[in-house]
Amino acid sequence: MQTRIGTGWKGKQALWAVLIGLGAVAFDLAQQGSTGYTLQRLGLGLAVVMFLATLSKDGPDSVGLTWRARPSWKFWPKRICLLGVIVLACSLVVCAVLWWKDALPAMESTFTDKSAMLRNLWLSCLWAPIEEEMLYRVALCAPLAAWLGPRVTILIGGLVFAGLHHLYGNLGPNHLFAGLVMTWAYLRSGTILLPLLLHSLGNLAVWLMQVVLFYRG
């Protein structure tokens, strides 16, 4: 797969891009549980992304800071639906195996009241996707794509994204598959807007499930 992500870094610039990107992600992973949903974390992601963009001779396009999607935005609506079905199907297979082994966790809503429900909608569908996509798609995957190529980057992006949610304490099968899909979409489209949209839609689906569990409970 060809991608415009990670282009424009040569020699020492490529080395700096990898070190800065991996360093930012390692720092965030080390701090998880205390830095989520904060201006400091958001600022870290934005600062690293802007540094990587200025470091590349191809500018913002090299890290996906562009409105343009490849091959075009018309290409993506059907693919987004297909990607959602793939993530759901893979997650259901894992859940079925866990249920068969009597290891499926009980499904309970994490909302304590309606105000918490509305606050979680804002955080999970807008704030968290921006925070996490800046760090775990752009800062991590753009330098890796230049260094290791798209295929290895997709695998690493999925595993690290799942590891992040393990540190959050809410790891589910959807996180691994979603991480793989969003990294692929990022590299394929050449814009961070697509995985940001996918991330928000995925979190919205989880939020709606939590709402149903809240009212049923």
N, C-alpha and C. Protein backbone atom coordinates (compact mmCIF):
# COMPACT_ATOMS: atom_id res chain seq x y z
N MET A 1 0.83 -1.20 0.00
CA MET A 1 0.00 0.00 0.00
C MET A 1 0.87 1.25 0.00
N GLN A 2 0.58 2.15 -0.91
CA GLN A 2 1.29 3.42 -0.93
C GLN A 2 0.57 4.44 -0.07
N THR A 3 1.34 5.30 0.54
CA THR A 3 0.77 6.34 1.40
C THR A 3 1.63 7.60 1.32
N ARG A 4 0.97 8.74 1.48
CA ARG A 4 1.74 9.98 1.54
C ARG A 4 2.13 10.32 2.97
N ILE A 5 1.63 9.54 3.93
CA ILE A 5 1.97 9.76 5.33
C ILE A 5 3.43 9.36 5.57
N GLY A 6 4.16 10.23 6.24
CA GLY A 6 5.55 9.94 6.58
C GLY A 6 6.55 10.31 5.52
N THR A 7 6.10 11.03 4.50
CA THR A 7 7.02 11.44 3.45
C THR A 7 7.73 12.74 3.85
N GLY A 8 8.84 12.98 3.23
CA GLY A 8 9.52 14.26 3.42
C GLY A 8 10.58 14.27 4.49
N TRP A 9 10.77 13.15 5.21
CA TRP A 9 11.81 13.07 6.22
C TRP A 9 12.98 12.28 5.67
N LYS A 10 14.14 12.85 5.73
CA LYS A 10 15.35 12.19 5.23
C LYS A 10 16.45 12.27 6.28
N GLY A 11 17.27 11.20 6.36
CA GLY A 11 18.44 11.21 7.22
C GLY A 11 18.13 11.53 8.66
N LYS A 12 18.78 12.56 9.18
CA LYS A 12 18.62 12.93 10.58
C LYS A 12 17.20 13.39 10.88
N GLN A 13 16.53 13.99 9.90
CA GLN A 13 15.15 14.42 10.12
C GLN A 13 14.25 13.21 10.39
N ALA A 14 14.45 12.13 9.63
CA ALA A 14 13.67 10.91 9.85
C ALA A 14 13.94 10.34 11.23
N LEU A 15 15.20 10.34 11.65
CA LEU A 15 15.56 9.83 12.98
C LEU A 15 14.91 10.67 14.07
N TRP A 16 14.94 12.00 13.92
CA TRP A 16 14.32 12.87 14.90
C TRP A 16 12.81 12.65 14.95
N ALA A 17 12.19 12.44 13.79
CA ALA A 17 10.75 12.21 13.75
C ALA A 17 10.38 10.95 14.52
N VAL A 18 11.14 9.89 14.34
CA VAL A 18 10.88 8.64 15.04
C VAL A 18 11.08 8.81 16.54
N LEU A 19 12.18 9.44 16.94
CA LEU A 19 12.48 9.61 18.36
C LEU A 19 11.43 10.48 19.05
N ILE A 20 11.05 11.58 18.41
CA ILE A 20 10.05 12.47 19.01
C ILE A 20 8.69 11.80 19.09
N GLY A 21 8.27 11.13 18.01
CA GLY A 21 6.98 10.47 18.01
C GLY A 21 6.89 9.35 19.03
N LEU A 22 7.89 8.46 19.02
CA LEU A 22 7.89 7.35 19.98
C LEU A 22 8.03 7.86 21.41
N GLY A 23 8.84 8.90 21.60
CA GLY A 23 9.02 9.46 22.94
C GLY A 23 7.72 10.01 23.50
N ALA A 24 6.96 10.72 22.66
CA ALA A 24 5.68 11.29 23.11
C ALA A 24 4.69 10.20 23.49
N VAL A 25 4.63 9.15 22.68
CA VAL A 25 3.71 8.05 22.96
C VAL A 25 4.14 7.29 24.22
N ALA A 26 5.45 7.03 24.35
CA ALA A 26 5.94 6.34 25.55
C ALA A 26 5.65 7.14 26.81
N PHE A 27 5.82 8.45 26.74
CA PHE A 27 5.51 9.30 27.88
C PHE A 27 4.04 9.23 28.23
N ASP A 28 3.18 9.26 27.22
CA ASP A 28 1.74 9.22 27.48
C ASP A 28 1.33 7.88 28.06
N LEU A 29 1.89 6.79 27.55
CA LEU A 29 1.57 5.48 28.09
C LEU A 29 2.00 5.36 29.55
N ALA A 30 3.15 5.94 29.85
CA ALA A 30 3.65 5.88 31.22
C ALA A 30 2.78 6.67 32.19
N GLN A 31 2.05 7.67 31.66
CA GLN A 31 1.24 8.54 32.52
C GLN A 31 -0.23 8.14 32.57
N GLN A 32 -0.62 7.10 31.84
CA GLN A 32 -2.05 6.81 31.71
C GLN A 32 -2.71 6.56 33.06
N GLY A 33 -3.95 7.00 33.14
CA GLY A 33 -4.68 6.95 34.39
C GLY A 33 -4.71 8.30 35.07
N SER A 34 -3.81 9.21 34.63
CA SER A 34 -3.77 10.52 35.27
C SER A 34 -3.80 11.67 34.27
N THR A 35 -3.55 11.38 33.00
CA THR A 35 -3.45 12.48 32.04
C THR A 35 -4.58 12.50 31.01
N GLY A 36 -5.48 11.55 31.04
CA GLY A 36 -6.56 11.53 30.07
C GLY A 36 -7.49 12.72 30.20
N TYR A 37 -7.98 13.22 29.08
CA TYR A 37 -8.95 14.32 29.05
C TYR A 37 -8.41 15.58 29.71
N THR A 38 -7.18 15.94 29.42
CA THR A 38 -6.60 17.15 29.99
C THR A 38 -6.04 18.03 28.89
N LEU A 39 -5.94 19.32 29.18
CA LEU A 39 -5.34 20.25 28.23
C LEU A 39 -3.85 19.94 28.04
N GLN A 40 -3.20 19.43 29.07
CA GLN A 40 -1.78 19.10 28.97
C GLN A 40 -1.56 17.99 27.95
N ARG A 41 -2.40 16.99 28.00
CA ARG A 41 -2.26 15.88 27.05
C ARG A 41 -2.59 16.33 25.63
N LEU A 42 -3.65 17.11 25.51
CA LEU A 42 -4.00 17.65 24.20
C LEU A 42 -2.89 18.53 23.65
N GLY A 43 -2.31 19.35 24.51
CA GLY A 43 -1.21 20.22 24.09
C GLY A 43 0.00 19.43 23.66
N LEU A 44 0.30 18.34 24.37
CA LEU A 44 1.42 17.49 23.98
C LEU A 44 1.22 16.94 22.58
N GLY A 45 0.04 16.41 22.32
CA GLY A 45 -0.23 15.86 21.00
C GLY A 45 -0.12 16.89 19.90
N LEU A 46 -0.73 18.04 20.11
CA LEU A 46 -0.70 19.09 19.09
C LEU A 46 0.72 19.60 18.86
N ALA A 47 1.50 19.75 19.94
CA ALA A 47 2.87 20.23 19.80
C ALA A 47 3.72 19.26 19.01
N VAL A 48 3.58 17.97 19.30
CA VAL A 48 4.37 16.96 18.57
C VAL A 48 3.96 16.91 17.11
N VAL A 49 2.67 16.97 16.85
CA VAL A 49 2.18 16.92 15.47
C VAL A 49 2.70 18.12 14.67
N MET A 50 2.64 19.31 15.25
CA MET A 50 3.11 20.49 14.54
C MET A 50 4.62 20.44 14.32
N PHE A 51 5.36 19.91 15.30
CA PHE A 51 6.80 19.77 15.14
C PHE A 51 7.12 18.81 14.00
N LEU A 52 6.43 17.68 13.95
CA LEU A 52 6.66 16.72 12.87
C LEU A 52 6.32 17.31 11.51
N ALA A 53 5.25 18.10 11.46
CA ALA A 53 4.86 18.72 10.19
C ALA A 53 5.91 19.71 9.70
N THR A 54 6.46 20.50 10.61
CA THR A 54 7.47 21.48 10.20
C THR A 54 8.81 20.81 9.91
N LEU A 55 9.03 19.63 10.46
CA LEU A 55 10.28 18.92 10.23
C LEU A 55 10.34 18.32 8.84
N SER A 56 9.19 18.06 8.24
CA SER A 56 9.13 17.43 6.93
C SER A 56 9.14 18.47 5.82
N LYS A 57 9.83 18.17 4.75
CA LYS A 57 9.85 19.09 3.61
C LYS A 57 8.50 19.12 2.90
N ASP A 58 7.67 18.08 3.13
CA ASP A 58 6.33 18.04 2.53
C ASP A 58 5.28 18.71 3.41
N GLY A 59 5.69 19.19 4.57
CA GLY A 59 4.81 19.97 5.42
C GLY A 59 3.66 19.17 6.02
N PRO A 60 2.54 19.84 6.28
CA PRO A 60 1.40 19.20 6.97
C PRO A 60 0.86 17.96 6.27
N ASP A 61 0.94 17.90 4.93
CA ASP A 61 0.44 16.73 4.23
C ASP A 61 1.13 15.45 4.67
N SER A 62 2.39 15.55 5.08
CA SER A 62 3.15 14.35 5.43
C SER A 62 2.66 13.69 6.71
N VAL A 63 1.90 14.42 7.53
CA VAL A 63 1.33 13.84 8.75
C VAL A 63 -0.20 13.80 8.71
N GLY A 64 -0.78 14.10 7.57
CA GLY A 64 -2.22 14.00 7.42
C GLY A 64 -3.02 15.21 7.84
N LEU A 65 -2.37 16.35 8.02
CA LEU A 65 -3.09 17.58 8.36
C LEU A 65 -3.59 18.24 7.09
N THR A 66 -4.60 17.63 6.50
CA THR A 66 -5.16 18.10 5.24
C THR A 66 -6.63 17.71 5.15
N TRP A 67 -7.40 18.51 4.41
CA TRP A 67 -8.80 18.19 4.18
C TRP A 67 -8.96 17.15 3.09
N ARG A 68 -7.95 16.98 2.26
CA ARG A 68 -8.05 16.08 1.11
C ARG A 68 -7.86 14.63 1.54
N ALA A 69 -8.72 13.77 1.04
CA ALA A 69 -8.60 12.33 1.30
C ALA A 69 -8.33 11.61 -0.01
N ARG A 70 -7.50 10.61 0.05
CA ARG A 70 -7.21 9.81 -1.13
C ARG A 70 -8.04 8.52 -1.12
N PRO A 71 -8.54 8.08 -2.26
CA PRO A 71 -8.45 8.76 -3.56
C PRO A 71 -9.39 9.96 -3.65
N SER A 72 -10.49 9.95 -2.87
CA SER A 72 -11.40 11.09 -2.75
C SER A 72 -12.36 10.79 -1.61
N TRP A 73 -13.09 11.81 -1.14
CA TRP A 73 -14.05 11.57 -0.06
C TRP A 73 -15.22 10.71 -0.54
N LYS A 74 -15.52 10.74 -1.84
CA LYS A 74 -16.61 9.90 -2.37
C LYS A 74 -16.29 8.41 -2.24
N PHE A 75 -15.01 8.10 -2.16
CA PHE A 75 -14.58 6.71 -2.05
C PHE A 75 -14.91 6.11 -0.69
N TRP A 76 -15.06 6.95 0.36
CA TRP A 76 -15.03 6.45 1.73
C TRP A 76 -16.35 6.11 2.39
N PRO A 77 -17.52 6.69 2.06
CA PRO A 77 -18.73 6.35 2.82
C PRO A 77 -19.04 4.87 2.89
N LYS A 78 -19.00 4.16 1.76
CA LYS A 78 -19.27 2.72 1.77
C LYS A 78 -18.20 1.98 2.54
N ARG A 79 -16.95 2.44 2.41
CA ARG A 79 -15.85 1.78 3.13
C ARG A 79 -15.99 1.96 4.63
N ILE A 80 -16.47 3.13 5.06
CA ILE A 80 -16.67 3.36 6.49
C ILE A 80 -17.69 2.38 7.05
N CYS A 81 -18.79 2.18 6.32
CA CYS A 81 -19.80 1.22 6.76
C CYS A 81 -19.21 -0.19 6.81
N LEU A 82 -18.44 -0.54 5.77
CA LEU A 82 -17.82 -1.87 5.72
C LEU A 82 -16.83 -2.06 6.87
N LEU A 83 -16.03 -1.03 7.14
CA LEU A 83 -15.06 -1.11 8.23
C LEU A 83 -15.76 -1.29 9.58
N GLY A 84 -16.88 -0.59 9.76
CA GLY A 84 -17.65 -0.74 10.99
C GLY A 84 -18.18 -2.15 11.15
N VAL A 85 -18.66 -2.74 10.06
CA VAL A 85 -19.17 -4.11 10.11
C VAL A 85 -18.04 -5.09 10.43
N ILE A 86 -16.87 -4.85 9.86
CA ILE A 86 -15.72 -5.73 10.12
C ILE A 86 -15.32 -5.70 11.59
N VAL A 87 -15.21 -4.49 12.15
CA VAL A 87 -14.83 -4.36 13.56
C VAL A 87 -15.89 -5.03 14.45
N LEU A 88 -17.16 -4.80 14.15
CA LEU A 88 -18.24 -5.40 14.94
C LEU A 88 -18.21 -6.92 14.85
N ALA A 89 -18.04 -7.44 13.64
CA ALA A 89 -18.04 -8.89 13.45
C ALA A 89 -16.87 -9.55 14.18
N CYS A 90 -15.69 -8.97 14.05
CA CYS A 90 -14.51 -9.53 14.73
C CYS A 90 -14.68 -9.48 16.25
N SER A 91 -15.25 -8.38 16.74
CA SER A 91 -15.47 -8.25 18.17
C SER A 91 -16.48 -9.27 18.67
N LEU A 92 -17.53 -9.52 17.88
CA LEU A 92 -18.55 -10.49 18.28
C LEU A 92 -17.98 -11.90 18.30
N VAL A 93 -17.07 -12.19 17.38
CA VAL A 93 -16.44 -13.51 17.38
C VAL A 93 -15.66 -13.72 18.67
N VAL A 94 -14.89 -12.70 19.07
CA VAL A 94 -14.12 -12.79 20.31
C VAL A 94 -15.06 -12.93 21.50
N CYS A 95 -16.13 -12.15 21.52
CA CYS A 95 -17.10 -12.23 22.62
C CYS A 95 -17.76 -13.61 22.68
N ALA A 96 -18.03 -14.21 21.51
CA ALA A 96 -18.63 -15.53 21.47
C ALA A 96 -17.69 -16.58 22.06
N VAL A 97 -16.41 -16.46 21.75
CA VAL A 97 -15.42 -17.38 22.31
C VAL A 97 -15.34 -17.23 23.82
N LEU A 98 -15.33 -15.98 24.30
CA LEU A 98 -15.29 -15.74 25.74
C LEU A 98 -16.55 -16.28 26.42
N TRP A 99 -17.69 -16.09 25.79
CA TRP A 99 -18.94 -16.63 26.35
C TRP A 99 -18.90 -18.14 26.41
N TRP A 100 -18.39 -18.78 25.37
CA TRP A 100 -18.28 -20.24 25.32
C TRP A 100 -17.37 -20.76 26.43
N LYS A 101 -16.33 -20.01 26.75
CA LYS A 101 -15.41 -20.40 27.81
C LYS A 101 -15.85 -19.87 29.18
N ASP A 102 -17.05 -19.28 29.21
CA ASP A 102 -17.61 -18.72 30.45
C ASP A 102 -16.68 -17.67 31.06
N ALA A 103 -16.10 -16.85 30.17
CA ALA A 103 -15.17 -15.81 30.62
C ALA A 103 -15.61 -14.43 30.16
N LEU A 104 -16.84 -14.30 29.69
CA LEU A 104 -17.33 -13.01 29.21
C LEU A 104 -17.73 -12.14 30.39
N PRO A 105 -17.14 -10.95 30.54
CA PRO A 105 -17.48 -10.07 31.66
C PRO A 105 -18.94 -9.62 31.58
N ALA A 106 -19.52 -9.35 32.73
CA ALA A 106 -20.89 -8.84 32.76
C ALA A 106 -20.94 -7.44 32.15
N MET A 107 -21.98 -7.17 31.40
CA MET A 107 -22.13 -5.87 30.75
C MET A 107 -22.97 -4.96 31.64
N GLU A 108 -22.34 -3.90 32.13
CA GLU A 108 -23.02 -2.95 32.99
C GLU A 108 -22.68 -1.53 32.54
N SER A 109 -23.62 -0.64 32.72
CA SER A 109 -23.38 0.76 32.37
C SER A 109 -22.43 1.40 33.37
N THR A 110 -21.55 2.25 32.85
CA THR A 110 -20.62 2.97 33.71
C THR A 110 -21.19 4.33 34.14
N PHE A 111 -22.38 4.68 33.66
CA PHE A 111 -22.98 5.96 34.00
C PHE A 111 -23.65 5.87 35.37
N THR A 112 -23.42 6.89 36.18
CA THR A 112 -24.06 6.94 37.50
C THR A 112 -25.35 7.76 37.47
N ASP A 113 -25.43 8.71 36.55
CA ASP A 113 -26.64 9.53 36.42
C ASP A 113 -26.64 10.15 35.03
N LYS A 114 -27.68 10.94 34.72
CA LYS A 114 -27.82 11.51 33.39
C LYS A 114 -26.76 12.57 33.10
N SER A 115 -26.33 13.31 34.10
CA SER A 115 -25.29 14.31 33.87
C SER A 115 -23.97 13.64 33.48
N ALA A 116 -23.68 12.51 34.11
CA ALA A 116 -22.48 11.76 33.74
C ALA A 116 -22.60 11.22 32.33
N MET A 117 -23.80 10.85 31.93
CA MET A 117 -24.05 10.36 30.59
C MET A 117 -23.72 11.42 29.55
N LEU A 118 -24.19 12.65 29.77
CA LEU A 118 -23.96 13.74 28.83
C LEU A 118 -22.49 14.16 28.82
N ARG A 119 -21.88 14.18 29.97
CA ARG A 119 -20.46 14.53 30.03
C ARG A 119 -19.63 13.50 29.28
N ASN A 120 -19.97 12.24 29.41
CA ASN A 120 -19.24 11.18 28.72
C ASN A 120 -19.41 11.28 27.21
N LEU A 121 -20.56 11.74 26.75
CA LEU A 121 -20.79 11.92 25.31
C LEU A 121 -19.78 12.90 24.73
N TRP A 122 -19.59 14.03 25.41
CA TRP A 122 -18.64 15.05 24.97
C TRP A 122 -17.21 14.52 25.00
N LEU A 123 -16.86 13.87 26.10
CA LEU A 123 -15.49 13.41 26.26
C LEU A 123 -15.15 12.28 25.31
N SER A 124 -16.04 11.31 25.18
CA SER A 124 -15.72 10.12 24.40
C SER A 124 -15.85 10.33 22.90
N CYS A 125 -16.73 11.21 22.47
CA CYS A 125 -16.97 11.36 21.03
C CYS A 125 -16.25 12.53 20.40
N LEU A 126 -15.67 13.43 21.21
CA LEU A 126 -14.93 14.55 20.63
C LEU A 126 -13.54 14.69 21.25
N TRP A 127 -13.51 14.86 22.57
CA TRP A 127 -12.22 15.13 23.22
C TRP A 127 -11.25 13.95 23.09
N ALA A 128 -11.71 12.75 23.47
CA ALA A 128 -10.83 11.58 23.42
C ALA A 128 -10.34 11.27 22.01
N PRO A 129 -11.20 11.30 20.99
CA PRO A 129 -10.68 11.05 19.64
C PRO A 129 -9.59 12.04 19.21
N ILE A 130 -9.75 13.32 19.54
CA ILE A 130 -8.74 14.30 19.16
C ILE A 130 -7.43 14.01 19.89
N GLU A 131 -7.53 13.82 21.21
CA GLU A 131 -6.33 13.52 22.00
C GLU A 131 -5.60 12.29 21.47
N GLU A 132 -6.35 11.20 21.32
CA GLU A 132 -5.72 9.93 20.99
C GLU A 132 -5.27 9.85 19.55
N GLU A 133 -6.00 10.48 18.63
CA GLU A 133 -5.57 10.43 17.23
C GLU A 133 -4.31 11.26 17.01
N MET A 134 -4.17 12.37 17.72
CA MET A 134 -2.95 13.16 17.59
C MET A 134 -1.72 12.34 18.00
N LEU A 135 -1.85 11.61 19.10
CA LEU A 135 -0.71 10.87 19.63
C LEU A 135 -0.56 9.49 19.00
N TYR A 136 -1.66 8.73 18.93
CA TYR A 136 -1.56 7.32 18.56
C TYR A 136 -1.79 7.05 17.08
N ARG A 137 -2.12 8.06 16.32
CA ARG A 137 -2.15 7.91 14.87
C ARG A 137 -1.04 8.76 14.26
N VAL A 138 -1.03 10.07 14.55
CA VAL A 138 -0.07 10.94 13.88
C VAL A 138 1.33 10.79 14.47
N ALA A 139 1.48 11.08 15.75
CA ALA A 139 2.81 11.07 16.37
C ALA A 139 3.46 9.70 16.29
N LEU A 140 2.67 8.64 16.46
CA LEU A 140 3.22 7.29 16.41
C LEU A 140 3.38 6.77 14.99
N CYS A 141 2.31 6.84 14.20
CA CYS A 141 2.27 6.10 12.94
C CYS A 141 2.93 6.82 11.77
N ALA A 142 2.92 8.15 11.75
CA ALA A 142 3.58 8.84 10.64
C ALA A 142 5.09 8.56 10.61
N PRO A 143 5.81 8.70 11.73
CA PRO A 143 7.24 8.35 11.70
C PRO A 143 7.48 6.86 11.42
N LEU A 144 6.62 5.99 11.99
CA LEU A 144 6.80 4.56 11.76
C LEU A 144 6.58 4.19 10.30
N ALA A 145 5.63 4.86 9.65
CA ALA A 145 5.39 4.59 8.23
C ALA A 145 6.62 4.92 7.39
N ALA A 146 7.31 6.00 7.75
CA ALA A 146 8.53 6.37 7.04
C ALA A 146 9.67 5.40 7.34
N TRP A 147 9.67 4.86 8.54
CA TRP A 147 10.77 4.01 9.01
C TRP A 147 10.57 2.54 8.65
N LEU A 148 9.35 2.01 8.90
CA LEU A 148 9.10 0.58 8.77
C LEU A 148 8.16 0.21 7.63
N GLY A 149 7.48 1.20 7.05
CA GLY A 149 6.53 0.92 6.00
C GLY A 149 5.12 0.76 6.53
N PRO A 150 4.12 0.81 5.65
CA PRO A 150 2.71 0.81 6.09
C PRO A 150 2.27 -0.46 6.80
N ARG A 151 2.65 -1.63 6.32
CA ARG A 151 2.12 -2.88 6.87
C ARG A 151 2.52 -3.07 8.33
N VAL A 152 3.78 -2.90 8.62
CA VAL A 152 4.24 -3.04 10.00
C VAL A 152 3.62 -1.95 10.88
N THR A 153 3.48 -0.76 10.32
CA THR A 153 2.90 0.35 11.07
C THR A 153 1.46 0.06 11.46
N ILE A 154 0.69 -0.55 10.56
CA ILE A 154 -0.71 -0.90 10.86
C ILE A 154 -0.76 -1.85 12.05
N LEU A 155 0.10 -2.86 12.05
CA LEU A 155 0.12 -3.83 13.14
C LEU A 155 0.50 -3.16 14.47
N ILE A 156 1.56 -2.36 14.44
CA ILE A 156 2.00 -1.69 15.66
C ILE A 156 0.93 -0.71 16.15
N GLY A 157 0.34 0.03 15.22
CA GLY A 157 -0.71 0.99 15.60
C GLY A 157 -1.87 0.31 16.30
N GLY A 158 -2.29 -0.87 15.80
CA GLY A 158 -3.38 -1.59 16.43
C GLY A 158 -3.03 -2.11 17.81
N LEU A 159 -1.82 -2.65 17.95
CA LEU A 159 -1.39 -3.22 19.23
C LEU A 159 -1.21 -2.14 20.29
N VAL A 160 -0.61 -1.02 19.91
CA VAL A 160 -0.39 0.05 20.88
C VAL A 160 -1.72 0.67 21.31
N PHE A 161 -2.64 0.81 20.37
CA PHE A 161 -3.96 1.37 20.71
C PHE A 161 -4.68 0.45 21.68
N ALA A 162 -4.57 -0.87 21.47
CA ALA A 162 -5.17 -1.81 22.41
C ALA A 162 -4.47 -1.72 23.77
N GLY A 163 -3.14 -1.58 23.75
CA GLY A 163 -2.41 -1.45 25.00
C GLY A 163 -2.81 -0.22 25.79
N LEU A 164 -3.08 0.86 25.08
CA LEU A 164 -3.54 2.08 25.74
C LEU A 164 -4.83 1.83 26.51
N HIS A 165 -5.77 1.13 25.89
CA HIS A 165 -7.05 0.87 26.55
C HIS A 165 -6.92 -0.17 27.65
N HIS A 166 -5.91 -1.01 27.56
CA HIS A 166 -5.63 -1.90 28.69
C HIS A 166 -5.21 -1.07 29.90
N LEU A 167 -4.39 -0.04 29.67
CA LEU A 167 -3.98 0.84 30.76
C LEU A 167 -5.17 1.64 31.29
N TYR A 168 -6.10 1.96 30.41
CA TYR A 168 -7.31 2.64 30.86
C TYR A 168 -8.14 1.74 31.79
N GLY A 169 -7.99 0.42 31.60
CA GLY A 169 -8.79 -0.53 32.37
C GLY A 169 -10.09 -0.90 31.70
N ASN A 170 -10.22 -0.61 30.40
CA ASN A 170 -11.46 -0.95 29.70
C ASN A 170 -11.18 -1.63 28.36
N LEU A 171 -10.14 -2.46 28.30
CA LEU A 171 -9.77 -3.13 27.07
C LEU A 171 -10.86 -4.09 26.62
N GLY A 172 -11.24 -3.97 25.35
CA GLY A 172 -12.19 -4.89 24.73
C GLY A 172 -11.67 -5.30 23.37
N PRO A 173 -12.24 -6.35 22.78
CA PRO A 173 -11.77 -6.79 21.46
C PRO A 173 -11.93 -5.73 20.39
N ASN A 174 -12.89 -4.84 20.57
CA ASN A 174 -13.09 -3.78 19.58
C ASN A 174 -11.90 -2.83 19.49
N HIS A 175 -11.15 -2.68 20.59
CA HIS A 175 -10.06 -1.71 20.58
C HIS A 175 -8.92 -2.17 19.68
N LEU A 176 -8.59 -3.46 19.70
CA LEU A 176 -7.54 -3.95 18.82
C LEU A 176 -7.94 -3.83 17.36
N PHE A 177 -9.14 -4.31 17.03
CA PHE A 177 -9.59 -4.26 15.65
C PHE A 177 -9.78 -2.83 15.17
N ALA A 178 -10.30 -1.97 16.05
CA ALA A 178 -10.48 -0.57 15.68
C ALA A 178 -9.14 0.10 15.46
N GLY A 179 -8.14 -0.22 16.29
CA GLY A 179 -6.81 0.35 16.11
C GLY A 179 -6.20 -0.02 14.78
N LEU A 180 -6.36 -1.26 14.38
CA LEU A 180 -5.85 -1.71 13.08
C LEU A 180 -6.56 -0.99 11.94
N VAL A 181 -7.89 -0.92 12.04
CA VAL A 181 -8.69 -0.30 10.98
C VAL A 181 -8.39 1.19 10.86
N MET A 182 -8.32 1.89 11.99
CA MET A 182 -8.09 3.34 11.93
C MET A 182 -6.68 3.67 11.44
N THR A 183 -5.70 2.83 11.79
CA THR A 183 -4.35 3.06 11.28
C THR A 183 -4.31 2.84 9.78
N TRP A 184 -4.97 1.78 9.31
CA TRP A 184 -5.04 1.54 7.87
C TRP A 184 -5.73 2.71 7.16
N ALA A 185 -6.85 3.17 7.70
CA ALA A 185 -7.60 4.27 7.09
C ALA A 185 -6.76 5.55 7.04
N TYR A 186 -5.99 5.79 8.09
CA TYR A 186 -5.11 6.96 8.15
C TYR A 186 -4.07 6.92 7.05
N LEU A 187 -3.40 5.79 6.91
CA LEU A 187 -2.35 5.68 5.90
C LEU A 187 -2.94 5.65 4.49
N ARG A 188 -4.08 5.00 4.33
CA ARG A 188 -4.69 4.89 3.00
C ARG A 188 -5.24 6.22 2.52
N SER A 189 -5.90 6.95 3.41
CA SER A 189 -6.55 8.21 3.02
C SER A 189 -5.58 9.39 3.00
N GLY A 190 -4.55 9.32 3.82
CA GLY A 190 -3.60 10.43 3.89
C GLY A 190 -4.09 11.62 4.68
N THR A 191 -5.18 11.45 5.44
CA THR A 191 -5.69 12.54 6.26
C THR A 191 -6.10 12.02 7.63
N ILE A 192 -5.81 12.78 8.66
CA ILE A 192 -6.17 12.39 10.02
C ILE A 192 -7.67 12.52 10.25
N LEU A 193 -8.36 13.25 9.39
CA LEU A 193 -9.80 13.45 9.57
C LEU A 193 -10.58 12.15 9.47
N LEU A 194 -10.14 11.23 8.64
CA LEU A 194 -10.88 9.98 8.49
C LEU A 194 -10.81 9.11 9.74
N PRO A 195 -9.63 8.79 10.28
CA PRO A 195 -9.63 8.02 11.53
C PRO A 195 -10.26 8.78 12.69
N LEU A 196 -10.20 10.10 12.68
CA LEU A 196 -10.87 10.89 13.71
C LEU A 196 -12.38 10.67 13.63
N LEU A 197 -12.92 10.65 12.42
CA LEU A 197 -14.35 10.39 12.23
C LEU A 197 -14.70 8.97 12.65
N LEU A 198 -13.89 8.00 12.24
CA LEU A 198 -14.14 6.61 12.62
C LEU A 198 -14.09 6.43 14.13
N HIS A 199 -13.13 7.07 14.76
CA HIS A 199 -12.98 7.00 16.22
C HIS A 199 -14.22 7.56 16.91
N SER A 200 -14.70 8.70 16.45
CA SER A 200 -15.87 9.32 17.05
C SER A 200 -17.12 8.47 16.87
N LEU A 201 -17.28 7.90 15.68
CA LEU A 201 -18.45 7.05 15.42
C LEU A 201 -18.40 5.78 16.26
N GLY A 202 -17.22 5.20 16.38
CA GLY A 202 -17.08 4.01 17.21
C GLY A 202 -17.41 4.28 18.67
N ASN A 203 -16.90 5.40 19.17
CA ASN A 203 -17.19 5.76 20.57
C ASN A 203 -18.66 6.10 20.76
N LEU A 204 -19.28 6.68 19.74
CA LEU A 204 -20.71 6.97 19.82
C LEU A 204 -21.52 5.68 19.93
N ALA A 205 -21.13 4.66 19.17
CA ALA A 205 -21.82 3.37 19.24
C ALA A 205 -21.70 2.77 20.64
N VAL A 206 -20.50 2.86 21.23
CA VAL A 206 -20.31 2.35 22.59
C VAL A 206 -21.12 3.17 23.58
N TRP A 207 -21.17 4.48 23.38
CA TRP A 207 -21.94 5.35 24.28
C TRP A 207 -23.42 4.99 24.23
N LEU A 208 -23.95 4.75 23.03
CA LEU A 208 -25.36 4.39 22.89
C LEU A 208 -25.65 3.06 23.58
N MET A 209 -24.72 2.12 23.49
CA MET A 209 -24.89 0.85 24.20
C MET A 209 -24.93 1.07 25.70
N GLN A 210 -24.07 1.98 26.18
CA GLN A 210 -24.05 2.29 27.61
C GLN A 210 -25.36 2.96 28.04
N VAL A 211 -25.92 3.77 27.18
CA VAL A 211 -27.21 4.41 27.49
C VAL A 211 -28.29 3.36 27.65
N VAL A 212 -28.32 2.39 26.73
CA VAL A 212 -29.32 1.31 26.82
C VAL A 212 -29.16 0.53 28.11
N LEU A 213 -27.92 0.22 28.47
CA LEU A 213 -27.67 -0.52 29.71
C LEU A 213 -28.06 0.31 30.94
N PHE A 214 -27.86 1.62 30.87
CA PHE A 214 -28.21 2.50 31.98
C PHE A 214 -29.70 2.48 32.25
N TYR A 215 -30.51 2.59 31.18
CA TYR A 215 -31.95 2.63 31.36
C TYR A 215 -32.53 1.26 31.67
N ARG A 216 -31.85 0.22 31.20
CA ARG A 216 -32.31 -1.14 31.53
C ARG A 216 -32.00 -1.48 32.97
N GLY A 217 -30.88 -0.90 33.49
CA GLY A 217 -30.49 -1.22 34.86
C GLY A 217 -31.33 -0.48 35.88
